[in-house]
Amino acid sequence: MLRANVLHEKKWGLAILRTKLDALLAKKESPSGCASLSVRAASFRKKFSLEKNGYANHGDGKRD
């Protein structure tokens, strides 16, 4: 004999999976994820080569 709310639990689980799928599809279609990673990496590299990038000290590089 099945429990009374098995159908409800199945629908609830399906709704959660659909939400996750929609989020993954939206993330896949959005190009911003890749761009933000490359911008952060460039900023990281810039911080550790201050003289090479024309900054006198850490404060000058931090303003950019």
PDB file of N, CA and C in Angstrom:
ATOM      1  N   MET A   1       0.832  -1.183   0.000  1.00  0.00           N
ATOM      2  CA  MET A   1       0.000   0.000   0.000  1.00  0.00           C
ATOM      3  C   MET A   1       0.876   1.247   0.000  1.00  0.00           C
ATOM      4  N   LEU A   2       0.559   2.203  -0.864  1.00  0.00           N
ATOM      5  CA  LEU A   2       1.338   3.428  -1.001  1.00  0.00           C
ATOM      6  C   LEU A   2       0.892   4.477   0.005  1.00  0.00           C
ATOM      7  N   ARG A   3       1.821   5.334   0.360  1.00  0.00           N
ATOM      8  CA  ARG A   3       1.469   6.432   1.251  1.00  0.00           C
ATOM      9  C   ARG A   3       0.571   7.422   0.530  1.00  0.00           C
ATOM     10  N   ALA A   4      -0.170   8.193   1.247  1.00  0.00           N
ATOM     11  CA  ALA A   4      -1.155   9.103   0.671  1.00  0.00           C
ATOM     12  C   ALA A   4      -0.512  10.250  -0.098  1.00  0.00           C
ATOM     13  N   ASN A   5       0.640  10.708   0.327  1.00  0.00           N
ATOM     14  CA  ASN A   5       1.212  11.883  -0.331  1.00  0.00           C
ATOM     15  C   ASN A   5       2.409  11.549  -1.231  1.00  0.00           C
ATOM     16  N   VAL A   6       2.471  10.371  -1.778  1.00  0.00           N
ATOM     17  CA  VAL A   6       3.547   9.996  -2.686  1.00  0.00           C
ATOM     18  C   VAL A   6       3.500  10.860  -3.947  1.00  0.00           C
ATOM     19  N   LEU A   7       2.312  11.079  -4.490  1.00  0.00           N
ATOM     20  CA  LEU A   7       2.169  11.895  -5.686  1.00  0.00           C
ATOM     21  C   LEU A   7       2.647  13.321  -5.422  1.00  0.00           C
ATOM     22  N   HIS A   8       2.295  13.861  -4.269  1.00  0.00           N
ATOM     23  CA  HIS A   8       2.736  15.208  -3.904  1.00  0.00           C
ATOM     24  C   HIS A   8       4.257  15.272  -3.830  1.00  0.00           C
ATOM     25  N   GLU A   9       4.875  14.269  -3.222  1.00  0.00           N
ATOM     26  CA  GLU A   9       6.328  14.241  -3.100  1.00  0.00           C
ATOM     27  C   GLU A   9       7.007  14.145  -4.464  1.00  0.00           C
ATOM     28  N   LYS A  10       6.445  13.367  -5.351  1.00  0.00           N
ATOM     29  CA  LYS A  10       7.009  13.242  -6.707  1.00  0.00           C
ATOM     30  C   LYS A  10       6.917  14.562  -7.455  1.00  0.00           C
ATOM     31  N   LYS A  11       5.772  15.237  -7.346  1.00  0.00           N
ATOM     32  CA  LYS A  11       5.592  16.527  -8.013  1.00  0.00           C
ATOM     33  C   LYS A  11       6.549  17.570  -7.438  1.00  0.00           C
ATOM     34  N   TRP A  12       6.732  17.537  -6.120  1.00  0.00           N
ATOM     35  CA  TRP A  12       7.633  18.472  -5.463  1.00  0.00           C
ATOM     36  C   TRP A  12       9.070  18.260  -5.954  1.00  0.00           C
ATOM     37  N   GLY A  13       9.507  17.027  -6.020  1.00  0.00           N
ATOM     38  CA  GLY A  13      10.844  16.717  -6.509  1.00  0.00           C
ATOM     39  C   GLY A  13      11.029  17.117  -7.962  1.00  0.00           C
ATOM     40  N   LEU A  14       9.997  16.890  -8.761  1.00  0.00           N
ATOM     41  CA  LEU A  14      10.051  17.280 -10.167  1.00  0.00           C
ATOM     42  C   LEU A  14      10.158  18.799 -10.308  1.00  0.00           C
ATOM     43  N   ALA A  15       9.433  19.532  -9.488  1.00  0.00           N
ATOM     44  CA  ALA A  15       9.485  20.995  -9.535  1.00  0.00           C
ATOM     45  C   ALA A  15      10.885  21.499  -9.179  1.00  0.00           C
ATOM     46  N   ILE A  16      11.521  20.871  -8.199  1.00  0.00           N
ATOM     47  CA  ILE A  16      12.876  21.264  -7.810  1.00  0.00           C
ATOM     48  C   ILE A  16      13.852  20.989  -8.946  1.00  0.00           C
ATOM     49  N   LEU A  17      13.735  19.842  -9.581  1.00  0.00           N
ATOM     50  CA  LEU A  17      14.620  19.506 -10.695  1.00  0.00           C
ATOM     51  C   LEU A  17      14.421  20.448 -11.875  1.00  0.00           C
ATOM     52  N   ARG A  18      13.167  20.812 -12.149  1.00  0.00           N
ATOM     53  CA  ARG A  18      12.904  21.761 -13.245  1.00  0.00           C
ATOM     54  C   ARG A  18      13.527  23.119 -12.950  1.00  0.00           C
ATOM     55  N   THR A  19      13.460  23.554 -11.701  1.00  0.00           N
ATOM     56  CA  THR A  19      14.065  24.830 -11.317  1.00  0.00           C
ATOM     57  C   THR A  19      15.574  24.791 -11.518  1.00  0.00           C
ATOM     58  N   LYS A  20      16.199  23.700 -11.105  1.00  0.00           N
ATOM     59  CA  LYS A  20      17.641  23.555 -11.289  1.00  0.00           C
ATOM     60  C   LYS A  20      18.012  23.530 -12.767  1.00  0.00           C
ATOM     61  N   LEU A  21      17.203  22.830 -13.567  1.00  0.00           N
ATOM     62  CA  LEU A  21      17.461  22.758 -14.998  1.00  0.00           C
ATOM     63  C   LEU A  21      17.341  24.137 -15.639  1.00  0.00           C
ATOM     64  N   ASP A  22      16.308  24.881 -15.271  1.00  0.00           N
ATOM     65  CA  ASP A  22      16.141  26.233 -15.815  1.00  0.00           C
ATOM     66  C   ASP A  22      17.332  27.122 -15.462  1.00  0.00           C
ATOM     67  N   ALA A  23      17.827  27.006 -14.235  1.00  0.00           N
ATOM     68  CA  ALA A  23      18.972  27.803 -13.817  1.00  0.00           C
ATOM     69  C   ALA A  23      20.221  27.417 -14.609  1.00  0.00           C
ATOM     70  N   LEU A  24      20.426  26.128 -14.821  1.00  0.00           N
ATOM     71  CA  LEU A  24      21.593  25.688 -15.591  1.00  0.00           C
ATOM     72  C   LEU A  24      21.507  26.128 -17.049  1.00  0.00           C
ATOM     73  N   LEU A  25      20.323  26.054 -17.629  1.00  0.00           N
ATOM     74  CA  LEU A  25      20.165  26.495 -19.016  1.00  0.00           C
ATOM     75  C   LEU A  25      20.376  27.992 -19.149  1.00  0.00           C
ATOM     76  N   ALA A  26      19.896  28.766 -18.193  1.00  0.00           N
ATOM     77  CA  ALA A  26      20.103  30.211 -18.224  1.00  0.00           C
ATOM     78  C   ALA A  26      21.586  30.537 -18.080  1.00  0.00           C
ATOM     79  N   LYS A  27      22.269  29.800 -17.216  1.00  0.00           N
ATOM     80  CA  LYS A  27      23.700  30.022 -17.030  1.00  0.00           C
ATOM     81  C   LYS A  27      24.483  29.667 -18.292  1.00  0.00           C
ATOM     82  N   LYS A  28      24.056  28.616 -18.973  1.00  0.00           N
ATOM     83  CA  LYS A  28      24.730  28.182 -20.202  1.00  0.00           C
ATOM     84  C   LYS A  28      24.579  29.222 -21.301  1.00  0.00           C
ATOM     85  N   GLU A  29      23.396  29.830 -21.401  1.00  0.00           N
ATOM     86  CA  GLU A  29      23.136  30.817 -22.450  1.00  0.00           C
ATOM     87  C   GLU A  29      23.785  32.159 -22.150  1.00  0.00           C
ATOM     88  N   SER A  30      24.080  32.437 -20.898  1.00  0.00           N
ATOM     89  CA  SER A  30      24.660  33.711 -20.503  1.00  0.00           C
ATOM     90  C   SER A  30      26.175  33.684 -20.695  1.00  0.00           C
ATOM     91  N   PRO A  31      26.722  34.580 -21.508  1.00  0.00           N
ATOM     92  CA  PRO A  31      28.169  34.599 -21.708  1.00  0.00           C
ATOM     93  C   PRO A  31      28.917  35.303 -20.586  1.00  0.00           C
ATOM     94  N   SER A  32      28.202  35.882 -19.626  1.00  0.00           N
ATOM     95  CA  SER A  32      28.862  36.688 -18.598  1.00  0.00           C
ATOM     96  C   SER A  32      29.739  35.864 -17.671  1.00  0.00           C
ATOM     97  N   GLY A  33      29.464  34.596 -17.491  1.00  0.00           N
ATOM     98  CA  GLY A  33      30.262  33.774 -16.598  1.00  0.00           C
ATOM     99  C   GLY A  33      31.716  33.692 -17.020  1.00  0.00           C
ATOM    100  N   CYS A  34      31.967  33.498 -18.287  1.00  0.00           N
ATOM    101  CA  CYS A  34      33.338  33.391 -18.786  1.00  0.00           C
ATOM    102  C   CYS A  34      34.045  34.733 -18.753  1.00  0.00           C
ATOM    103  N   ALA A  35      33.338  35.780 -19.104  1.00  0.00           N
ATOM    104  CA  ALA A  35      33.948  37.106 -19.161  1.00  0.00           C
ATOM    105  C   ALA A  35      34.367  37.570 -17.778  1.00  0.00           C
ATOM    106  N   SER A  36      33.525  37.332 -16.785  1.00  0.00           N
ATOM    107  CA  SER A  36      33.868  37.810 -15.454  1.00  0.00           C
ATOM    108  C   SER A  36      35.093  37.080 -14.906  1.00  0.00           C
ATOM    109  N   LEU A  37      35.241  35.827 -15.262  1.00  0.00           N
ATOM    110  CA  LEU A  37      36.405  35.074 -14.803  1.00  0.00           C
ATOM    111  C   LEU A  37      37.678  35.643 -15.414  1.00  0.00           C
ATOM    112  N   SER A  38      37.661  35.977 -16.694  1.00  0.00           N
ATOM    113  CA  SER A  38      38.862  36.510 -17.336  1.00  0.00           C
ATOM    114  C   SER A  38      39.185  37.903 -16.820  1.00  0.00           C
ATOM    115  N   VAL A  39      38.171  38.694 -16.495  1.00  0.00           N
ATOM    116  CA  VAL A  39      38.409  40.029 -15.943  1.00  0.00           C
ATOM    117  C   VAL A  39      39.050  39.913 -14.571  1.00  0.00           C
ATOM    118  N   ARG A  40      38.537  38.988 -13.747  1.00  0.00           N
ATOM    119  CA  ARG A  40      39.120  38.804 -12.417  1.00  0.00           C
ATOM    120  C   ARG A  40      40.555  38.303 -12.513  1.00  0.00           C
ATOM    121  N   ALA A  41      40.837  37.421 -13.458  1.00  0.00           N
ATOM    122  CA  ALA A  41      42.191  36.898 -13.610  1.00  0.00           C
ATOM    123  C   ALA A  41      43.146  38.003 -14.054  1.00  0.00           C
ATOM    124  N   ALA A  42      42.698  38.852 -14.958  1.00  0.00           N
ATOM    125  CA  ALA A  42      43.533  39.962 -15.419  1.00  0.00           C
ATOM    126  C   ALA A  42      43.801  40.936 -14.279  1.00  0.00           C
ATOM    127  N   SER A  43      42.779  41.202 -13.482  1.00  0.00           N
ATOM    128  CA  SER A  43      42.943  42.093 -12.333  1.00  0.00           C
ATOM    129  C   SER A  43      43.925  41.501 -11.330  1.00  0.00           C
ATOM    130  N   PHE A  44      43.849  40.207 -11.116  1.00  0.00           N
ATOM    131  CA  PHE A  44      44.754  39.516 -10.193  1.00  0.00           C
ATOM    132  C   PHE A  44      46.197  39.640 -10.667  1.00  0.00           C
ATOM    133  N   ARG A  45      46.428  39.398 -11.957  1.00  0.00           N
ATOM    134  CA  ARG A  45      47.784  39.487 -12.504  1.00  0.00           C
ATOM    135  C   ARG A  45      48.308  40.915 -12.425  1.00  0.00           C
ATOM    136  N   LYS A  46      47.427  41.882 -12.645  1.00  0.00           N
ATOM    137  CA  LYS A  46      47.810  43.281 -12.627  1.00  0.00           C
ATOM    138  C   LYS A  46      48.300  43.701 -11.240  1.00  0.00           C
ATOM    139  N   LYS A  47      47.694  43.169 -10.201  1.00  0.00           N
ATOM    140  CA  LYS A  47      48.054  43.537  -8.836  1.00  0.00           C
ATOM    141  C   LYS A  47      49.473  43.122  -8.472  1.00  0.00           C
ATOM    142  N   PHE A  48      49.950  42.031  -9.050  1.00  0.00           N
ATOM    143  CA  PHE A  48      51.234  41.502  -8.651  1.00  0.00           C
ATOM    144  C   PHE A  48      52.372  41.872  -9.596  1.00  0.00           C
ATOM    145  N   SER A  49      52.101  42.686 -10.569  1.00  0.00           N
ATOM    146  CA  SER A  49      53.184  43.206 -11.406  1.00  0.00           C
ATOM    147  C   SER A  49      52.980  44.710 -11.552  1.00  0.00           C
ATOM    148  N   LEU A  50      53.073  45.411 -10.435  1.00  0.00           N
ATOM    149  CA  LEU A  50      52.788  46.842 -10.390  1.00  0.00           C
ATOM    150  C   LEU A  50      53.772  47.650 -11.242  1.00  0.00           C
ATOM    151  N   GLU A  51      55.062  47.401 -11.075  1.00  0.00           N
ATOM    152  CA  GLU A  51      56.053  48.180 -11.822  1.00  0.00           C
ATOM    153  C   GLU A  51      55.910  47.952 -13.328  1.00  0.00           C
ATOM    154  N   LYS A  52      55.658  46.729 -13.695  1.00  0.00           N
ATOM    155  CA  LYS A  52      55.510  46.380 -15.107  1.00  0.00           C
ATOM    156  C   LYS A  52      54.321  47.120 -15.734  1.00  0.00           C
ATOM    157  N   ASN A  53      53.260  47.343 -14.951  1.00  0.00           N
ATOM    158  CA  ASN A  53      52.073  48.015 -15.459  1.00  0.00           C
ATOM    159  C   ASN A  53      52.069  49.518 -15.199  1.00  0.00           C
ATOM    160  N   GLY A  54      53.189  50.058 -14.731  1.00  0.00           N
ATOM    161  CA  GLY A  54      53.330  51.500 -14.599  1.00  0.00           C
ATOM    162  C   GLY A  54      52.801  52.083 -13.303  1.00  0.00           C
ATOM    163  N   TYR A  55      52.672  51.297 -12.257  1.00  0.00           N
ATOM    164  CA  TYR A  55      52.210  51.803 -10.965  1.00  0.00           C
ATOM    165  C   TYR A  55      53.399  51.953 -10.025  1.00  0.00           C
ATOM    166  N   ALA A  56      53.408  53.058  -9.278  1.00  0.00           N
ATOM    167  CA  ALA A  56      54.505  53.306  -8.350  1.00  0.00           C
ATOM    168  C   ALA A  56      54.367  52.487  -7.071  1.00  0.00           C
ATOM    169  N   ASN A  57      53.132  52.299  -6.633  1.00  0.00           N
ATOM    170  CA  ASN A  57      52.917  51.551  -5.400  1.00  0.00           C
ATOM    171  C   ASN A  57      51.569  50.843  -5.434  1.00  0.00           C
ATOM    172  N   HIS A  58      51.284  50.131  -4.356  1.00  0.00           N
ATOM    173  CA  HIS A  58      50.049  49.342  -4.282  1.00  0.00           C
ATOM    174  C   HIS A  58      48.804  50.230  -4.346  1.00  0.00           C
ATOM    175  N   GLY A  59      48.851  51.388  -3.745  1.00  0.00           N
ATOM    176  CA  GLY A  59      47.704  52.301  -3.732  1.00  0.00           C
ATOM    177  C   GLY A  59      47.302  52.752  -5.136  1.00  0.00           C
ATOM    178  N   ASP A  60      48.285  53.028  -5.983  1.00  0.00           N
ATOM    179  CA  ASP A  60      47.976  53.428  -7.357  1.00  0.00           C
ATOM    180  C   ASP A  60      47.304  52.315  -8.130  1.00  0.00           C
ATOM    181  N   GLY A  61      47.802  51.108  -7.952  1.00  0.00           N
ATOM    182  CA  GLY A  61      47.212  49.974  -8.651  1.00  0.00           C
ATOM    183  C   GLY A  61      45.829  49.628  -8.125  1.00  0.00           C
ATOM    184  N   LYS A  62      45.613  49.902  -6.847  1.00  0.00           N
ATOM    185  CA  LYS A  62      44.333  49.568  -6.232  1.00  0.00           C
ATOM    186  C   LYS A  62      43.206  50.468  -6.735  1.00  0.00           C
ATOM    187  N   ARG A  63      43.526  51.676  -7.122  1.00  0.00           N
ATOM    188  CA  ARG A  63      42.503  52.627  -7.601  1.00  0.00           C
ATOM    189  C   ARG A  63      41.869  52.180  -8.920  1.00  0.00           C
ATOM    190  N   ASP A  64      42.579  51.400  -9.712  1.00  0.00           N
ATOM    191  CA  ASP A  64      42.022  50.953 -11.015  1.00  0.00           C
ATOM    192  C   ASP A  64      41.112  49.787 -10.880  1.00  0.00           C
TER     193      ASP A  64
END
